[in-house]
C-alpha atoms as a PDB file:
ATOM      1  CA  MET A   1      12.836  16.003 -21.926  1.00  0.00           C
ATOM      2  CA  MET A   2      11.575  16.628 -18.513  1.00  0.00           C
ATOM      3  CA  ALA A   3      12.809  14.859 -15.921  1.00  0.00           C
ATOM      4  CA  ARG A   4       9.736  15.081 -13.848  1.00  0.00           C
ATOM      5  CA  LEU A   5       6.228  15.683 -14.613  1.00  0.00           C
ATOM      6  CA  SER A   6       3.114  16.252 -12.443  1.00  0.00           C
ATOM      7  CA  LEU A   7      -0.010  14.513 -13.825  1.00  0.00           C
ATOM      8  CA  ARG A   8      -1.889  17.635 -12.584  1.00  0.00           C
ATOM      9  CA  LEU A   9      -0.423  19.381 -15.640  1.00  0.00           C
ATOM     10  CA  LEU A  10      -1.961  16.692 -17.786  1.00  0.00           C
ATOM     11  CA  GLN A  11      -5.495  17.639 -16.182  1.00  0.00           C
ATOM     12  CA  GLN A  12      -4.941  21.246 -16.700  1.00  0.00           C
ATOM     13  CA  GLY A  13      -4.370  20.386 -20.393  1.00  0.00           C
ATOM     14  CA  PRO A  14      -1.582  20.581 -22.437  1.00  0.00           C
ATOM     15  CA  PRO A  15      -1.284  21.529 -26.121  1.00  0.00           C
ATOM     16  CA  THR A  16      -3.188  18.962 -28.287  1.00  0.00           C
ATOM     17  CA  SER A  17      -0.119  18.627 -30.437  1.00  0.00           C
ATOM     18  CA  LEU A  18       1.917  17.496 -27.235  1.00  0.00           C
ATOM     19  CA  LEU A  19      -0.808  15.054 -25.799  1.00  0.00           C
ATOM     20  CA  PRO A  20       0.137  11.960 -27.632  1.00  0.00           C
ATOM     21  CA  ALA A  21       4.051  12.539 -26.867  1.00  0.00           C
ATOM     22  CA  VAL A  22       3.428  13.205 -23.310  1.00  0.00           C
ATOM     23  CA  LEU A  23       1.148   9.947 -22.659  1.00  0.00           C
ATOM     24  CA  LEU A  24       4.055   7.853 -24.300  1.00  0.00           C
ATOM     25  CA  MET A  25       6.595   9.524 -21.989  1.00  0.00           C
ATOM     26  CA  LEU A  26       4.496   8.456 -19.047  1.00  0.00           C
ATOM     27  CA  GLY A  27       4.238   5.024 -20.420  1.00  0.00           C
ATOM     28  CA  GLY A  28       0.550   5.071 -20.703  1.00  0.00           C
ATOM     29  CA  TYR A  29      -0.509   7.433 -17.240  1.00  0.00           C
ATOM     30  CA  GLY A  30      -3.117   9.745 -18.417  1.00  0.00           C
ATOM     31  CA  PRO A  31      -6.435  10.848 -16.715  1.00  0.00           C
ATOM     32  CA  ASP A  32      -9.403   9.256 -18.036  1.00  0.00           C
ATOM     33  CA  ALA A  33     -12.793  11.082 -17.870  1.00  0.00           C
ATOM     34  CA  ASP A  34     -14.233  10.660 -14.565  1.00  0.00           C
ATOM     35  CA  ARG A  35     -17.727  10.795 -13.127  1.00  0.00           C
ATOM     36  CA  SER A  36     -18.707  11.133  -9.548  1.00  0.00           C
ATOM     37  CA  LEU A  37     -19.479   7.660  -7.793  1.00  0.00           C
ATOM     38  CA  PRO A  38     -21.729   7.176  -4.869  1.00  0.00           C
ATOM     39  CA  ALA A  39     -20.084   6.164  -1.690  1.00  0.00           C
ATOM     40  CA  ASP A  40     -22.112   3.175  -1.360  1.00  0.00           C
ATOM     41  CA  ALA A  41     -22.220   1.985  -4.983  1.00  0.00           C
ATOM     42  CA  GLU A  42     -21.549  -1.607  -5.719  1.00  0.00           C
ATOM     43  CA  PRO A  43     -19.463  -2.538  -8.609  1.00  0.00           C
ATOM     44  CA  ARG A  44     -20.867  -4.796 -11.281  1.00  0.00           C
ATOM     45  CA  VAL A  45     -18.514  -7.235 -12.786  1.00  0.00           C
ATOM     46  CA  VAL A  46     -17.936  -6.884 -16.597  1.00  0.00           C
ATOM     47  CA  GLN A  47     -17.717  -9.934 -18.920  1.00  0.00           C
ATOM     48  CA  ASP A  48     -14.159 -10.770 -20.743  1.00  0.00           C
ATOM     49  CA  THR A  49     -14.180  -8.786 -23.986  1.00  0.00           C
ATOM     50  CA  PRO A  50     -11.307  -8.785 -26.481  1.00  0.00           C
ATOM     51  CA  GLY A  51      -8.662  -6.124 -25.775  1.00  0.00           C
ATOM     52  CA  VAL A  52     -10.414  -5.609 -22.308  1.00  0.00           C
ATOM     53  CA  PRO A  53      -8.465  -7.034 -19.069  1.00  0.00           C
ATOM     54  CA  PRO A  54     -10.643  -9.491 -17.379  1.00  0.00           C
ATOM     55  CA  PRO A  55     -12.183  -8.119 -14.341  1.00  0.00           C
ATOM     56  CA  THR A  56      -9.409  -7.418 -11.782  1.00  0.00           C
ATOM     57  CA  ALA A  57      -8.867  -5.678  -8.476  1.00  0.00           C
ATOM     58  CA  TYR A  58      -5.376  -3.980  -8.362  1.00  0.00           C
ATOM     59  CA  GLU A  59      -3.326  -2.622  -5.408  1.00  0.00           C
ATOM     60  CA  ARG A  60      -0.520  -0.074  -5.241  1.00  0.00           C
ATOM     61  CA  ASN A  61       0.525   0.569  -1.590  1.00  0.00           C
ATOM     62  CA  LEU A  62       3.121   3.286  -0.510  1.00  0.00           C
ATOM     63  CA  VAL A  63       4.209   3.147   2.979  1.00  0.00           C
ATOM     64  CA  LEU A  64       6.554   5.852   4.067  1.00  0.00           C
ATOM     65  CA  MET A  65       8.284   5.555   7.394  1.00  0.00           C
ATOM     66  CA  THR A  66      10.714   8.349   8.780  1.00  0.00           C
ATOM     67  CA  MET A  67      14.171   7.330  10.299  1.00  0.00           C
ATOM     68  CA  SER A  68      13.746   8.965  13.624  1.00  0.00           C
ATOM     69  CA  GLY A  69      12.916   6.146  15.982  1.00  0.00           C
ATOM     70  CA  ASP A  70      10.516   6.462  18.777  1.00  0.00           C
ATOM     71  CA  SER A  71       9.246   9.736  16.995  1.00  0.00           C
ATOM     72  CA  ALA A  72       9.080   8.029  13.549  1.00  0.00           C
ATOM     73  CA  ILE A  73       6.129   9.281  11.077  1.00  0.00           C
ATOM     74  CA  VAL A  74       4.362   6.772   9.167  1.00  0.00           C
ATOM     75  CA  VAL A  75       2.324   7.778   6.102  1.00  0.00           C
ATOM     76  CA  PRO A  76       0.460   4.887   3.863  1.00  0.00           C
ATOM     77  CA  TRP A  77      -1.096   5.837   0.760  1.00  0.00           C
ATOM     78  CA  LEU A  78      -3.453   3.053  -0.555  1.00  0.00           C
ATOM     79  CA  PHE A  79      -4.519   2.929  -3.966  1.00  0.00           C
ATOM     80  CA  ARG A  80      -7.256   0.513  -5.273  1.00  0.00           C
ATOM     81  CA  THR A  81      -9.031  -0.256  -8.777  1.00  0.00           C
ATOM     82  CA  GLU A  82     -11.528  -2.433  -9.766  1.00  0.00           C
ATOM     83  CA  SER A  83     -13.138  -2.916 -13.000  1.00  0.00           C
ATOM     84  CA  THR A  84     -16.977  -2.731 -13.467  1.00  0.00           C
ATOM     85  CA  ALA A  85     -19.661  -2.782 -15.834  1.00  0.00           C
ATOM     86  CA  ASP A  86     -19.665   0.767 -16.054  1.00  0.00           C
ATOM     87  CA  GLY A  87     -15.811   1.536 -16.148  1.00  0.00           C
ATOM     88  CA  VAL A  88     -13.162   1.428 -13.447  1.00  0.00           C
ATOM     89  CA  VAL A  89     -13.881   2.323  -9.802  1.00  0.00           C
ATOM     90  CA  ARG A  90     -10.771   4.008  -8.089  1.00  0.00           C
ATOM     91  CA  GLU A  91     -10.376   4.468  -4.561  1.00  0.00           C
ATOM     92  CA  VAL A  92      -7.478   6.265  -2.707  1.00  0.00           C
ATOM     93  CA  GLY A  93      -7.154   6.516   1.074  1.00  0.00           C
ATOM     94  CA  ALA A  94      -4.241   8.142   3.112  1.00  0.00           C
ATOM     95  CA  TRP A  95      -3.283   8.153   6.848  1.00  0.00           C
ATOM     96  CA  MET A  96      -0.505   9.422   8.944  1.00  0.00           C
ATOM     97  CA  SER A  97       0.431   8.159  12.311  1.00  0.00           C
ATOM     98  CA  ARG A  98       2.610   9.779  14.726  1.00  0.00           C
ATOM     99  CA  GLY A  99       3.151   8.220  18.194  1.00  0.00           C
ATOM    100  CA  ASP A 100      -0.035   6.309  19.126  1.00  0.00           C
ATOM    101  CA  ALA A 101      -2.559   7.727  16.944  1.00  0.00           C
ATOM    102  CA  TRP A 102      -3.675   7.454  13.393  1.00  0.00           C
ATOM    103  CA  GLU A 103      -5.325  10.325  11.391  1.00  0.00           C
ATOM    104  CA  ALA A 104      -7.231   9.878   8.199  1.00  0.00           C
ATOM    105  CA  PHE A 105      -6.725  12.869   6.149  1.00  0.00           C
ATOM    106  CA  TYR A 106      -7.690  11.904   2.640  1.00  0.00           C
ATOM    107  CA  PHE A 107     -10.282   9.671   1.196  1.00  0.00           C
ATOM    108  CA  GLU A 108     -11.646   9.539  -2.339  1.00  0.00           C
ATOM    109  CA  ARG A 109     -13.732   7.197  -4.459  1.00  0.00           C
ATOM    110  CA  TRP A 110     -14.598   7.827  -8.141  1.00  0.00           C
ATOM    111  CA  LEU A 111     -15.192   6.119 -11.438  1.00  0.00           C
ATOM    112  CA  THR A 112     -13.290   6.367 -14.922  1.00  0.00           C
ATOM    113  CA  GLU A 113     -13.989   5.231 -18.066  1.00  0.00           C
ATOM    114  CA  SER A 114     -12.807   1.681 -19.354  1.00  0.00           C
ATOM    115  CA  THR A 115      -9.261   1.372 -19.970  1.00  0.00           C
ATOM    116  CA  ARG A 116      -6.416  -0.979 -21.029  1.00  0.00           C
ATOM    117  CA  ALA A 117      -4.580  -0.147 -18.051  1.00  0.00           C
ATOM    118  CA  PRO A 118      -6.982   0.210 -15.176  1.00  0.00           C
ATOM    119  CA  PHE A 119      -3.790  -0.402 -12.692  1.00  0.00           C
ATOM    120  CA  ARG A 120      -2.576   3.004 -13.354  1.00  0.00           C
ATOM    121  CA  ILE A 121      -3.067   5.333 -10.397  1.00  0.00           C
ATOM    122  CA  HIS A 122      -4.585   8.599 -11.062  1.00  0.00           C
ATOM    123  CA  PRO A 123      -4.284  12.077  -9.230  1.00  0.00           C
ATOM    124  CA  ARG A 124      -7.546  13.749  -7.973  1.00  0.00           C
ATOM    125  CA  GLY A 125      -8.469  16.752  -6.150  1.00  0.00           C
ATOM    126  CA  PRO A 126      -5.487  17.808  -3.627  1.00  0.00           C
ATOM    127  CA  LEU A 127      -3.494  14.599  -4.659  1.00  0.00           C
ATOM    128  CA  ASP A 128      -0.925  14.964  -7.354  1.00  0.00           C
ATOM    129  CA  LEU A 129       1.710  12.784  -8.619  1.00  0.00           C
ATOM    130  CA  VAL A 130       4.952  13.337  -9.996  1.00  0.00           C
ATOM    131  CA  ILE A 131       6.177  11.023 -12.735  1.00  0.00           C
ATOM    132  CA  GLY A 132       9.958  10.631 -13.992  1.00  0.00           C
ATOM    133  CA  ASN A 133      10.901  10.606 -17.760  1.00  0.00           C
ATOM    134  CA  GLU A 134      10.807   6.723 -17.779  1.00  0.00           C
ATOM    135  CA  GLY A 135       7.301   6.503 -16.350  1.00  0.00           C
ATOM    136  CA  ALA A 136       8.118   5.535 -12.746  1.00  0.00           C
ATOM    137  CA  LEU A 137       6.529   7.250  -9.999  1.00  0.00           C
ATOM    138  CA  GLU A 138       8.653   9.927  -8.106  1.00  0.00           C
ATOM    139  CA  ALA A 139       6.522  11.599  -5.488  1.00  0.00           C
ATOM    140  CA  VAL A 140       2.677  11.945  -4.453  1.00  0.00           C
ATOM    141  CA  LEU A 141       1.924  15.396  -3.302  1.00  0.00           C
ATOM    142  CA  TYR A 142      -1.032  16.436  -1.311  1.00  0.00           C
ATOM    143  CA  GLU A 143      -2.172  20.132  -0.504  1.00  0.00           C
ATOM    144  CA  GLU A 144      -5.367  21.154   1.055  1.00  0.00           C
ATOM    145  CA  GLY A 145      -5.701  24.315   3.148  1.00  0.00           C
ATOM    146  CA  SER A 146      -2.551  24.386   5.722  1.00  0.00           C
ATOM    147  CA  ARG A 147      -1.415  20.780   4.915  1.00  0.00           C
ATOM    148  CA  GLN A 148       1.254  20.259   2.578  1.00  0.00           C
ATOM    149  CA  LEU A 149       2.749  16.989   2.373  1.00  0.00           C
ATOM    150  CA  GLU A 150       5.219  14.987  -0.152  1.00  0.00           C
ATOM    151  CA  THR A 151       6.154  11.468  -0.096  1.00  0.00           C
ATOM    152  CA  VAL A 152       9.280  11.368  -2.199  1.00  0.00           C
ATOM    153  CA  LEU A 153      10.688   8.059  -3.676  1.00  0.00           C
ATOM    154  CA  ASP A 154      14.489   8.105  -4.482  1.00  0.00           C
ATOM    155  CA  GLU A 155      16.616   5.419  -5.427  1.00  0.00           C
ATOM    156  CA  PRO A 156      15.440   1.770  -4.987  1.00  0.00           C
ATOM    157  CA  LEU A 157      17.545  -0.138  -2.783  1.00  0.00           C
ATOM    158  CA  THR A 158      15.983  -3.714  -3.204  1.00  0.00           C
ATOM    159  CA  ASP A 159      12.885  -5.255  -4.847  1.00  0.00           C
ATOM    160  CA  TRP A 160      11.241  -8.638  -4.280  1.00  0.00           C
ATOM    161  CA  ARG A 161       8.546 -10.563  -6.090  1.00  0.00           C
ATOM    162  CA  GLY A 162       5.990 -12.662  -4.073  1.00  0.00           C
ATOM    163  CA  VAL A 163       3.173 -15.074  -4.974  1.00  0.00           C
ATOM    164  CA  ARG A 164       0.386 -14.197  -7.565  1.00  0.00           C
ATOM    165  CA  GLY A 165       2.741 -11.462  -9.102  1.00  0.00           C
ATOM    166  CA  THR A 166       2.916  -9.342  -5.963  1.00  0.00           C
ATOM    167  CA  THR A 167       6.021  -6.892  -6.255  1.00  0.00           C
ATOM    168  CA  PHE A 168       7.879  -4.953  -3.283  1.00  0.00           C
ATOM    169  CA  ARG A 169      10.514  -2.297  -3.684  1.00  0.00           C
ATOM    170  CA  VAL A 170      12.269  -0.278  -1.062  1.00  0.00           C
ATOM    171  CA  HIS A 171      13.434   3.046  -1.751  1.00  0.00           C
ATOM    172  CA  ARG A 172      15.334   5.616   0.063  1.00  0.00           C
ATOM    173  CA  GLY A 173      12.883   8.435   0.483  1.00  0.00           C
ATOM    174  CA  ALA A 174      11.518  11.686   2.212  1.00  0.00           C
ATOM    175  CA  LEU A 175       8.697  13.119   3.732  1.00  0.00           C
ATOM    176  CA  PHE A 176       8.316  16.893   2.979  1.00  0.00           C
ATOM    177  CA  LEU A 177       5.929  18.075   5.878  1.00  0.00           C
ATOM    178  CA  SER A 178       5.425  21.874   5.364  1.00  0.00           C
ATOM    179  CA  SER A 179       9.063  23.148   4.781  1.00  0.00           C
ATOM    180  CA  GLN A 180      10.854  20.297   6.874  1.00  0.00           C
ATOM    181  CA  ARG A 181      12.422  17.366   5.005  1.00  0.00           C
ATOM    182  CA  LEU A 182      12.757  13.961   6.944  1.00  0.00           C
ATOM    183  CA  GLU A 183      14.887  10.959   5.630  1.00  0.00           C
ATOM    184  CA  ALA A 184      12.631   7.940   5.249  1.00  0.00           C
ATOM    185  CA  ARG A 185      12.337   4.572   3.774  1.00  0.00           C
ATOM    186  CA  VAL A 186       9.446   3.756   1.286  1.00  0.00           C
ATOM    187  CA  VAL A 187       7.923   0.564   0.660  1.00  0.00           C
ATOM    188  CA  ASP A 188       6.393   0.515  -2.809  1.00  0.00           C
ATOM    189  CA  MET A 189       4.010  -2.671  -3.092  1.00  0.00           C
ATOM    190  CA  THR A 190       1.772  -3.794  -6.159  1.00  0.00           C
ATOM    191  CA  ARG A 191      -0.552  -6.810  -6.294  1.00  0.00           C
ATOM    192  CA  SER A 192      -3.767  -7.706  -8.178  1.00  0.00           C
ATOM    193  CA  ARG A 193      -6.183 -10.653  -8.491  1.00  0.00           C
ATOM    194  CA  HIS A 194      -9.184 -11.346 -10.506  1.00  0.00           C
ATOM    195  CA  LEU A 195     -12.426 -10.935  -8.800  1.00  0.00           C
ATOM    196  CA  ASP A 196     -13.203 -14.753  -8.440  1.00  0.00           C
ATOM    197  CA  GLN A 197     -10.003 -15.211  -6.745  1.00  0.00           C
ATOM    198  CA  PRO A 198      -9.945 -15.245  -2.832  1.00  0.00           C
ATOM    199  CA  ALA A 199      -9.060 -12.128  -1.215  1.00  0.00           C
ATOM    200  CA  ALA A 200      -5.402 -11.001  -0.925  1.00  0.00           C
ATOM    201  CA  GLY A 201      -3.732 -11.401   2.435  1.00  0.00           C
ATOM    202  CA  ASP A 202      -1.988  -9.393   5.061  1.00  0.00           C
ATOM    203  CA  TRP A 203       1.373  -7.780   5.103  1.00  0.00           C
ATOM    204  CA  ILE A 204       3.636  -6.324   7.241  1.00  0.00           C
ATOM    205  CA  TYR A 205       6.738  -3.967   6.957  1.00  0.00           C
ATOM    206  CA  LEU A 206       9.254  -3.403   9.524  1.00  0.00           C
ATOM    207  CA  GLN A 207      11.996  -1.279   9.621  1.00  0.00           C
ATOM    208  CA  ALA A 208      15.127  -0.692  12.119  1.00  0.00           C
ATOM    209  CA  GLY A 209      16.744   2.595  10.967  1.00  0.00           C
ATOM    210  CA  PRO A 210      18.822   2.456   7.785  1.00  0.00           C
ATOM    211  CA  ASP A 211      20.196  -1.220   8.785  1.00  0.00           C
ATOM    212  CA  LEU A 212      16.902  -3.182   8.211  1.00  0.00           C
ATOM    213  CA  SER A 213      13.859  -3.244   5.841  1.00  0.00           C
ATOM    214  CA  LEU A 214      11.657  -6.329   6.114  1.00  0.00           C
ATOM    215  CA  VAL A 215       8.484  -7.421   4.429  1.00  0.00           C
ATOM    216  CA  LEU A 216       6.080 -10.440   5.189  1.00  0.00           C
ATOM    217  CA  GLU A 217       3.274 -11.132   3.011  1.00  0.00           C
ATOM    218  CA  ALA A 218       0.352 -14.002   3.066  1.00  0.00           C
ATOM    219  CA  PRO A 219      -0.776 -14.739  -0.492  1.00  0.00           C
ATOM    220  CA  VAL A 220      -4.664 -14.857   0.607  1.00  0.00           C
ATOM    221  CA  ALA A 221      -6.685 -13.574   3.864  1.00  0.00           C
ATOM    222  CA  GLU A 222      -6.382 -16.490   6.357  1.00  0.00           C
ATOM    223  CA  PRO A 223      -6.468 -15.186   9.795  1.00  0.00           C
ATOM    224  CA  THR A 224      -5.901 -18.650  11.465  1.00  0.00           C
ATOM    225  CA  GLY A 225      -2.363 -18.790  10.134  1.00  0.00           C
ATOM    226  CA  ALA A 226      -2.637 -22.022   8.197  1.00  0.00           C
ATOM    227  CA  VAL A 227      -1.178 -20.068   5.133  1.00  0.00           C
ATOM    228  CA  PRO A 228       2.409 -19.499   5.400  1.00  0.00           C
ATOM    229  CA  TYR A 229       3.711 -16.110   4.748  1.00  0.00           C
ATOM    230  CA  THR A 230       6.754 -15.262   2.676  1.00  0.00           C
ATOM    231  CA  GLY A 231       9.502 -12.915   4.114  1.00  0.00           C
ATOM    232  CA  TRP A 232      12.191 -10.777   2.607  1.00  0.00           C
ATOM    233  CA  ALA A 233      14.827  -8.445   4.128  1.00  0.00           C
ATOM    234  CA  LEU A 234      17.547  -6.057   3.449  1.00  0.00           C
ATOM    235  CA  MET A 235      20.044  -6.437   6.422  1.00  0.00           C
ATOM    236  CA  LYS A 236      23.191  -4.014   6.216  1.00  0.00           C
ATOM    237  CA  GLY A 237      23.165  -4.543   2.481  1.00  0.00           C
ATOM    238  CA  GLU A 238      22.658  -8.493   2.436  1.00  0.00           C
ATOM    239  CA  GLN A 239      19.491  -9.796   0.854  1.00  0.00           C
ATOM    240  CA  LEU A 240      17.496 -12.386   2.766  1.00  0.00           C
ATOM    241  CA  GLU A 241      14.557 -14.618   2.049  1.00  0.00           C
ATOM    242  CA  TRP A 242      12.323 -16.789   4.109  1.00  0.00           C
ATOM    243  CA  PRO A 243       9.720 -18.895   1.725  1.00  0.00           C
ATOM    244  CA  ASP A 244       8.066 -20.310   4.715  1.00  0.00           C
ATOM    245  CA  VAL A 245       7.374 -18.032   7.864  1.00  0.00           C
ATOM    246  CA  GLU A 246       4.285 -18.765  10.597  1.00  0.00           C
ATOM    247  CA  VAL A 247       2.796 -15.397  11.457  1.00  0.00           C
ATOM    248  CA  ARG A 248       0.367 -16.209  14.504  1.00  0.00           C
ATOM    249  CA  TRP A 249      -2.007 -14.004  16.308  1.00  0.00           C
ATOM    250  CA  SER A 250      -0.612 -14.231  19.933  1.00  0.00           C
ATOM    251  CA  GLU A 251      -3.046 -11.839  21.522  1.00  0.00           C
ATOM    252  CA  LEU A 252      -6.502 -10.937  20.421  1.00  0.00           C
ATOM    253  CA  ARG A 253      -9.356  -8.332  21.030  1.00  0.00           C
ATOM    254  CA  SER A 254     -12.881  -8.244  20.037  1.00  0.00           C
ATOM    255  CA  TYR A 255     -14.147  -5.758  17.693  1.00  0.00           C
ATOM    256  CA  GLU A 256     -17.910  -5.433  17.768  1.00  0.00           C
ATOM    257  CA  ASP A 257     -18.615  -3.044  14.958  1.00  0.00           C
ATOM    258  CA  ALA A 258     -17.578  -5.976  12.694  1.00  0.00           C
ATOM    259  CA  ARG A 259     -18.367  -8.846  15.134  1.00  0.00           C
ATOM    260  CA  ARG A 260     -14.994 -10.100  14.901  1.00  0.00           C
ATOM    261  CA  THR A 261     -11.765 -10.726  16.642  1.00  0.00           C
ATOM    262  CA  ILE A 262      -8.848  -9.112  15.725  1.00  0.00           C
ATOM    263  CA  PRO A 263      -5.188  -9.132  16.291  1.00  0.00           C
ATOM    264  CA  ALA A 264      -3.257  -7.265  18.892  1.00  0.00           C
ATOM    265  CA  ALA A 265      -0.015  -9.088  18.860  1.00  0.00           C
ATOM    266  CA  TRP A 266       1.709 -11.538  16.632  1.00  0.00           C
ATOM    267  CA  LYS A 267       4.481 -14.112  16.817  1.00  0.00           C
ATOM    268  CA  ILE A 268       6.723 -14.712  14.030  1.00  0.00           C
ATOM    269  CA  ARG A 269       9.010 -17.767  13.077  1.00  0.00           C
ATOM    270  CA  SER A 270      10.487 -19.039  10.003  1.00  0.00           C
ATOM    271  CA  ARG A 271      10.631 -22.817   9.299  1.00  0.00           C
ATOM    272  CA  ASP A 272      14.555 -22.643   9.184  1.00  0.00           C
ATOM    273  CA  GLY A 273      14.380 -20.690  12.581  1.00  0.00           C
ATOM    274  CA  GLN A 274      16.602 -18.015  11.305  1.00  0.00           C
ATOM    275  CA  LEU A 275      13.754 -15.419  11.713  1.00  0.00           C
ATOM    276  CA  THR A 276      11.826 -15.006  15.164  1.00  0.00           C
ATOM    277  CA  GLY A 277      10.164 -12.293  16.632  1.00  0.00           C
ATOM    278  CA  THR A 278       7.224 -10.738  18.499  1.00  0.00           C
ATOM    279  CA  LEU A 279       5.238  -7.781  17.526  1.00  0.00           C
ATOM    280  CA  SER A 280       2.624  -5.763  19.423  1.00  0.00           C
ATOM    281  CA  SER A 281       0.169  -3.074  18.263  1.00  0.00           C
ATOM    282  CA  THR A 282       0.438   0.450  19.384  1.00  0.00           C
ATOM    283  CA  ALA A 283      -2.202   2.109  17.294  1.00  0.00           C
ATOM    284  CA  SER A 284      -4.737   0.869  14.966  1.00  0.00           C
ATOM    285  CA  HIS A 285      -7.210   2.507  12.419  1.00  0.00           C
ATOM    286  CA  LEU A 286     -10.348  -0.021  11.456  1.00  0.00           C
ATOM    287  CA  GLN A 287     -12.572   0.161   8.603  1.00  0.00           C
ATOM    288  CA  VAL A 288     -15.705  -2.025   8.453  1.00  0.00           C
ATOM    289  CA  GLY A 289     -17.087  -3.121   5.254  1.00  0.00           C
ATOM    290  CA  GLY A 290     -20.622  -3.421   3.923  1.00  0.00           C
ATOM    291  CA  GLY A 291     -22.658  -6.686   4.143  1.00  0.00           C
ATOM    292  CA  VAL A 292     -25.575  -8.522   5.298  1.00  0.00           C
ATOM    293  CA  GLY A 293     -24.022 -11.545   7.231  1.00  0.00           C
ATOM    294  CA  PRO A 294     -23.236 -11.966  10.928  1.00  0.00           C
ATOM    295  CA  LEU A 295     -19.421 -10.964  10.006  1.00  0.00           C
ATOM    296  CA  LEU A 296     -18.596  -8.004   8.338  1.00  0.00           C
ATOM    297  CA  PRO A 297     -15.420  -7.384   6.303  1.00  0.00           C
ATOM    298  CA  VAL A 298     -12.430  -5.506   8.148  1.00  0.00           C
ATOM    299  CA  GLN A 299      -9.290  -3.727   7.047  1.00  0.00           C
ATOM    300  CA  GLY A 300      -7.193  -2.594   9.532  1.00  0.00           C
ATOM    301  CA  LEU A 301      -3.923  -0.651   9.697  1.00  0.00           C
ATOM    302  CA  PHE A 302      -1.717  -1.348  13.086  1.00  0.00           C
ATOM    303  CA  ARG A 303       1.005   0.332  13.762  1.00  0.00           C
ATOM    304  CA  VAL A 304       3.436  -2.118  15.678  1.00  0.00           C
ATOM    305  CA  GLN A 305       6.792  -2.275  17.511  1.00  0.00           C
ATOM    306  CA  GLY A 306       8.578  -5.327  18.698  1.00  0.00           C
ATOM    307  CA  SER A 307      11.706  -7.045  18.507  1.00  0.00           C
ATOM    308  CA  LEU A 308      13.083  -9.801  15.780  1.00  0.00           C
ATOM    309  CA  THR A 309      15.846 -12.132  15.837  1.00  0.00           C
ATOM    310  CA  ILE A 310      17.536 -12.810  12.625  1.00  0.00           C
ATOM    311  CA  ALA A 311      20.494 -15.256  12.374  1.00  0.00           C
ATOM    312  CA  GLY A 312      21.468 -14.825  15.821  1.00  0.00           C
ATOM    313  CA  ASP A 313      21.089 -10.983  15.870  1.00  0.00           C
ATOM    314  CA  SER A 314      18.401  -9.134  18.249  1.00  0.00           C
ATOM    315  CA  ILE A 315      17.015  -6.258  16.430  1.00  0.00           C
ATOM    316  CA  VAL A 316      14.167  -3.545  17.751  1.00  0.00           C
ATOM    317  CA  VAL A 317      11.794  -2.819  14.970  1.00  0.00           C
ATOM    318  CA  ARG A 318       8.866  -0.907  14.265  1.00  0.00           C
ATOM    319  CA  GLY A 319       6.435  -0.912  11.468  1.00  0.00           C
ATOM    320  CA  ILE A 320       2.869  -1.536   9.995  1.00  0.00           C
ATOM    321  CA  VAL A 321       0.466  -4.467   9.660  1.00  0.00           C
ATOM    322  CA  LEU A 322      -2.021  -4.092   6.929  1.00  0.00           C
ATOM    323  CA  HIS A 323      -4.899  -6.515   8.060  1.00  0.00           C
ATOM    324  CA  ILE A 324      -7.914  -7.930   5.943  1.00  0.00           C
ATOM    325  CA  GLN A 325     -10.794 -10.089   6.870  1.00  0.00           C
ATOM    326  CA  PRO A 326     -12.915 -10.440   3.927  1.00  0.00           C
END
């Protein structure tokens, strides 16, 4: 059996007699028939039907960060799917950050047929996926024009489970940029919610070379800091967890496009005092959603740097904040 298989091969059409075996090998990965979807289309929620999952929004977020300190490259891949009356709305966005700038280099939104596994991520256009022989995602490939980029997920180092079924897994990884290989860490995060539940909250990934990978997550979108975060870390091979962490905006700035205030710096403190720190934004990429109210939805990617103190050890960290205001 093949160790790796690109989903692009499925779309190009394997022999009919092999298709059931290939789909079984991929644990259900397989392209649904897709149709064009207007960028401004509003999903219509479906009613529960036997054998069909209830209306649910799914996220799968992959964030790669190279190990090269001040010049680290950050590449987030954000996958979204949502069930609708007409099928499954799929959305993929990808960015790259080097230094103090974000570049949005890929975005696609489309509609596929209804499926019992809407959470499965799909290739599209210049985006391809490499799946291992046990159905695990091994790489995200992107090739368009002169840009060739590959996000590789190697062996997992640790995994954590948060509230509402959220999972985080940190991998050794690599970024192939043209012909150059850069060592990296990749955090692979999944979560879901029924569409009648509150919007999912912010999450933060921080890194200090190979010695520290740390994740903080808020269960729901709550900018006032009233909802405690949960925190996990892998520090020099040791697993750490903080069930109650306050993450407070310590500096604000106005974002007139959405008529909202957004964070520019954060203070972090666990209830037991074993984790404290400060972060500041060095670059941001903001997206405004649609709406008729005075306040519009915002999703932001912030590249951050700062320092943490963990059990008395002071550590310089860099990372990313995914910020949501529904």
